[in-house]
Amino acid sequence: MIEITPLASSSHGNCYHITDGTTALLLECGIRFKDIQRALHFQTSSIAGCLVTHEHGDHVKGIAEVMKAGIDVYASRGTLETLQVTGHRAVIIQAQKQFTLGSWTILPFDVQHDVTEPLGFLLANSLGEKLVFITDSYYCKYKFNGLTHIMLECNYSLKILDENIAAGRVPPVMRKRLLRSHFSLENCKDFLRANDLSKVQSIWLLHLSDSNSDEALFKREIQELTGKPVIVAQKL
């Protein structure tokens, strides 16, 4: 049974611990490793690896410390080269090339973001569970069958963003960047409508904006749309 523990989920840092009861993984390492240790009550020796989506600091802040702690980091060549991260703990992976990590079978896939070579991940285990992880992207062209867990960025609402710009709380230049770099509430709804949700047990909303989101509204609207349990990942 998949267990998801968000350690941080915001523009200040992103990191999630997942386990299927056999193999534990980190998704992202955007906080200090000592904060990861503290959040996991120093039970980090069983972590089999860390999957990284892209090179922005709020997703890789702790990458050197994670590797120093003996945890392999898996990321695209573009991400690792941009970060200038090398060594035997830095494992290059490619979109559409499946690999195995403990009890997980992992399929990286390309996503759209304003970085070098960003990835999303589809993770499956021997129990038939499937988890999809998408963050920091404005669009996903893929559809997934048989998902049991969805971890999906829901960074902002276009309505809230436009209200903030009109009120002078957010600079207008932010609108163009957000539209081409992050999943909005509207994007989330489109993604969920396009996918098979028949086996979904939980939907996790990630990386909510400090100023352009509404946690209660997002949770309510996604629950009403899907009829599934929705959890908003905690911020740092």
Protein backbone atom coordinates (compact mmCIF):
# COMPACT_ATOMS: atom_id res chain seq x y z
CA MET A 1 0.00 0.00 0.00
CA ILE A 2 1.43 3.35 -1.05
CA GLU A 3 2.03 5.88 1.69
CA ILE A 4 2.76 9.49 0.79
CA THR A 5 4.35 11.93 3.23
CA PRO A 6 4.83 15.51 2.04
CA LEU A 7 7.86 17.08 3.72
CA ALA A 8 7.61 20.42 1.89
CA SER A 9 5.44 21.69 -0.95
CA SER A 10 5.81 25.34 -1.92
CA SER A 11 8.04 27.81 -3.74
CA HIS A 12 10.31 27.65 -0.67
CA GLY A 13 11.00 23.95 -1.08
CA ASN A 14 9.55 20.68 -2.36
CA CYS A 15 10.18 17.17 -1.06
CA TYR A 16 7.98 14.11 -0.67
CA HIS A 17 8.59 10.68 0.87
CA ILE A 18 6.79 7.72 -0.65
CA THR A 19 6.86 4.03 0.16
CA ASP A 20 4.94 0.95 -0.93
CA GLY A 21 5.92 -0.85 2.26
CA THR A 22 9.00 -2.34 0.63
CA THR A 23 10.99 0.46 -1.01
CA ALA A 24 11.10 4.08 0.18
CA LEU A 25 11.89 6.95 -2.18
CA LEU A 26 12.21 10.71 -2.11
CA LEU A 27 10.53 12.76 -4.81
CA GLU A 28 12.56 15.99 -5.04
CA CYS A 29 15.07 17.27 -2.48
CA GLY A 30 14.34 20.99 -2.32
CA ILE A 31 15.03 21.35 1.39
CA ARG A 32 18.11 20.76 3.54
CA PHE A 33 18.87 17.11 4.22
CA LYS A 34 18.85 17.72 7.97
CA ASP A 35 15.25 18.96 7.58
CA ILE A 36 14.43 15.78 5.66
CA GLN A 37 16.00 13.74 8.45
CA ARG A 38 14.10 15.62 11.11
CA ALA A 39 10.77 15.24 9.29
CA LEU A 40 11.34 11.49 8.94
CA HIS A 41 12.48 11.09 12.56
CA PHE A 42 15.98 10.28 11.27
CA GLN A 43 14.72 7.11 9.57
CA THR A 44 16.47 7.79 6.26
CA SER A 45 18.77 4.78 5.86
CA SER A 46 16.07 2.84 4.01
CA ILE A 47 15.62 5.46 1.27
CA ALA A 48 16.56 3.74 -2.00
CA GLY A 49 16.84 6.85 -4.16
CA CYS A 50 15.67 10.37 -4.92
CA LEU A 51 13.85 11.29 -8.14
CA VAL A 52 14.35 14.88 -9.28
CA THR A 53 12.17 16.58 -11.88
CA HIS A 54 14.31 19.63 -12.75
CA GLU A 55 17.04 21.99 -11.58
CA HIS A 56 15.20 24.84 -9.83
CA GLY A 57 16.45 25.42 -6.30
CA ASP A 58 13.13 24.72 -4.58
CA HIS A 59 13.43 21.16 -5.95
CA VAL A 60 17.17 20.48 -5.54
CA LYS A 61 18.43 22.56 -2.62
CA GLY A 62 19.53 19.46 -0.71
CA ILE A 63 20.89 17.44 -3.62
CA ALA A 64 24.56 17.52 -2.59
CA GLU A 65 23.71 16.54 1.01
CA VAL A 66 21.37 13.77 -0.15
CA MET A 67 24.14 12.28 -2.30
CA LYS A 68 26.66 12.70 0.50
CA ALA A 69 24.31 10.71 2.73
CA GLY A 70 24.62 7.79 0.31
CA ILE A 71 21.34 8.25 -1.57
CA ASP A 72 21.45 8.02 -5.37
CA VAL A 73 19.78 10.87 -7.25
CA TYR A 74 17.97 10.14 -10.52
CA ALA A 75 17.49 13.00 -13.00
CA SER A 76 17.77 13.86 -16.68
CA ARG A 77 21.13 14.62 -18.25
CA GLY A 78 20.02 18.20 -18.83
CA THR A 79 19.14 18.67 -15.17
CA LEU A 80 22.39 17.18 -13.84
CA GLU A 81 24.56 19.06 -16.33
CA THR A 82 22.86 22.36 -15.54
CA LEU A 83 23.46 21.73 -11.84
CA GLN A 84 27.02 20.52 -12.58
CA VAL A 85 26.32 17.49 -10.42
CA THR A 86 28.54 14.49 -11.10
CA GLY A 87 29.71 11.33 -9.38
CA HIS A 88 28.48 7.77 -9.00
CA ARG A 89 25.47 8.93 -6.96
CA ALA A 90 24.18 11.02 -9.91
CA VAL A 91 22.23 8.66 -12.17
CA ILE A 92 21.16 9.88 -15.60
CA ILE A 93 17.68 8.79 -16.70
CA GLN A 94 15.76 9.45 -19.90
CA ALA A 95 12.16 10.15 -20.78
CA GLN A 96 10.32 7.02 -21.98
CA LYS A 97 13.10 4.72 -20.70
CA GLN A 98 11.79 2.61 -17.85
CA PHE A 99 13.96 1.50 -14.95
CA THR A 100 13.58 -0.40 -11.69
CA LEU A 101 14.39 0.86 -8.22
CA GLY A 102 13.70 -1.68 -5.51
CA SER A 103 10.06 -2.72 -5.79
CA TRP A 104 9.20 0.23 -8.06
CA THR A 105 9.10 0.26 -11.83
CA ILE A 106 9.58 3.87 -12.88
CA LEU A 107 8.80 5.50 -16.21
CA PRO A 108 10.08 9.07 -16.61
CA PHE A 109 8.23 11.22 -19.15
CA ASP A 110 8.80 14.66 -20.58
CA VAL A 111 6.84 17.66 -19.31
CA GLN A 112 6.75 21.33 -20.24
CA HIS A 113 8.56 23.83 -18.00
CA ASP A 114 11.04 26.71 -18.42
CA VAL A 115 14.13 24.58 -17.72
CA THR A 116 16.55 22.33 -19.60
CA GLU A 117 15.06 18.81 -19.53
CA PRO A 118 12.22 18.43 -17.00
CA LEU A 119 10.55 15.12 -16.19
CA GLY A 120 7.45 13.70 -14.60
CA PHE A 121 7.31 10.17 -13.19
CA LEU A 122 4.95 7.21 -13.34
CA LEU A 123 5.70 4.70 -10.60
CA ALA A 124 4.21 1.21 -10.40
CA ASN A 125 4.71 -1.58 -7.88
CA SER A 126 4.10 -5.32 -7.71
CA LEU A 127 0.74 -4.81 -5.99
CA GLY A 128 -0.63 -3.17 -9.13
CA GLU A 129 -0.61 0.32 -7.67
CA LYS A 130 0.32 3.25 -9.92
CA LEU A 131 1.36 6.74 -8.85
CA VAL A 132 1.86 9.67 -11.21
CA PHE A 133 3.94 12.66 -10.10
CA ILE A 134 3.73 15.93 -12.06
CA THR A 135 4.97 19.27 -10.80
CA ASP A 136 6.23 22.51 -12.35
CA SER A 137 4.64 22.06 -15.73
CA TYR A 138 1.87 23.86 -17.58
CA TYR A 139 0.72 20.87 -19.63
CA CYS A 140 0.94 17.08 -19.74
CA LYS A 141 0.31 15.48 -23.11
CA TYR A 142 0.13 11.94 -21.74
CA LYS A 143 -2.83 9.96 -20.42
CA PHE A 144 -2.48 7.22 -17.83
CA ASN A 145 -4.57 4.11 -17.20
CA GLY A 146 -5.12 2.41 -13.87
CA LEU A 147 -3.79 5.17 -11.63
CA THR A 148 -4.29 4.63 -7.91
CA HIS A 149 -2.53 7.78 -6.65
CA ILE A 150 -2.09 11.18 -8.27
CA MET A 151 0.40 13.81 -7.12
CA LEU A 152 -0.27 16.91 -9.19
CA GLU A 153 0.83 20.52 -9.00
CA CYS A 154 -2.04 22.98 -8.54
CA ASN A 155 -0.08 26.21 -8.28
CA TYR A 156 -2.60 28.95 -8.98
CA SER A 157 -6.07 29.90 -10.14
CA LEU A 158 -6.23 32.12 -13.21
CA LYS A 159 -9.11 34.04 -11.63
CA ILE A 160 -7.18 34.71 -8.40
CA LEU A 161 -4.04 35.60 -10.37
CA ASP A 162 -5.92 38.14 -12.50
CA GLU A 163 -7.56 39.64 -9.41
CA ASN A 164 -4.15 40.03 -7.77
CA ILE A 165 -2.69 41.66 -10.89
CA ALA A 166 -5.64 44.08 -11.14
CA ALA A 167 -5.18 45.00 -7.46
CA GLY A 168 -1.44 45.54 -7.89
CA ARG A 169 -0.50 42.68 -5.57
CA VAL A 170 1.22 40.69 -8.33
CA PRO A 171 3.27 42.21 -11.20
CA PRO A 172 1.69 41.65 -14.65
CA VAL A 173 4.90 40.00 -15.92
CA MET A 174 4.19 37.05 -13.60
CA ARG A 175 1.11 36.10 -15.60
CA LYS A 176 3.02 35.15 -18.73
CA ARG A 177 5.59 33.12 -16.79
CA LEU A 178 3.00 31.22 -14.77
CA LEU A 179 0.98 30.38 -17.87
CA ARG A 180 4.10 28.80 -19.43
CA SER A 181 5.59 27.11 -16.39
CA HIS A 182 3.06 25.92 -13.79
CA PHE A 183 -0.12 23.87 -13.53
CA SER A 184 -3.16 25.96 -12.70
CA LEU A 185 -6.41 24.80 -11.13
CA GLU A 186 -7.84 24.84 -14.63
CA ASN A 187 -4.95 22.68 -15.95
CA CYS A 188 -5.53 20.22 -13.10
CA LYS A 189 -9.18 19.85 -13.98
CA ASP A 190 -8.37 19.27 -17.66
CA PHE A 191 -5.75 16.64 -16.75
CA LEU A 192 -8.10 14.81 -14.40
CA ARG A 193 -10.95 14.83 -16.92
CA ALA A 194 -8.63 13.31 -19.54
CA ASN A 195 -7.46 10.41 -17.38
CA ASP A 196 -8.87 7.17 -16.05
CA LEU A 197 -9.75 7.80 -12.40
CA SER A 198 -11.69 4.59 -11.77
CA LYS A 199 -9.05 3.11 -9.44
CA VAL A 200 -7.81 6.34 -7.88
CA GLN A 201 -7.58 6.23 -4.09
CA SER A 202 -6.22 9.72 -3.47
CA ILE A 203 -5.35 12.94 -5.28
CA TRP A 204 -2.63 15.12 -3.79
CA LEU A 205 -2.47 18.79 -4.79
CA LEU A 206 1.10 20.09 -4.70
CA HIS A 207 3.07 23.32 -4.78
CA LEU A 208 0.26 25.83 -4.14
CA SER A 209 1.25 29.46 -4.64
CA ASP A 210 1.46 31.63 -1.54
CA SER A 211 -0.55 34.43 -3.14
CA ASN A 212 -2.43 33.03 -6.15
CA SER A 213 -4.13 29.98 -4.65
CA ASP A 214 -6.96 29.11 -2.28
CA GLU A 215 -6.44 25.78 -0.52
CA ALA A 216 -10.07 25.26 0.52
CA LEU A 217 -11.41 26.24 -2.90
CA PHE A 218 -8.96 24.01 -4.78
CA LYS A 219 -9.70 21.01 -2.57
CA ARG A 220 -13.46 21.48 -2.84
CA GLU A 221 -13.51 21.93 -6.61
CA ILE A 222 -11.27 18.93 -7.32
CA GLN A 223 -13.31 16.74 -4.97
CA GLU A 224 -16.55 17.84 -6.64
CA LEU A 225 -15.09 17.12 -10.08
CA THR A 226 -13.62 13.70 -9.30
CA GLY A 227 -15.52 12.32 -6.33
CA LYS A 228 -12.15 11.23 -4.92
CA PRO A 229 -10.37 12.06 -1.64
CA VAL A 230 -8.24 15.16 -2.15
CA ILE A 231 -5.32 16.17 0.10
CA VAL A 232 -3.47 19.46 -0.16
CA ALA A 233 0.22 18.89 0.55
CA GLN A 234 1.56 20.93 3.44
CA LYS A 235 3.84 23.88 2.82
CA LEU A 236 7.30 24.17 4.30
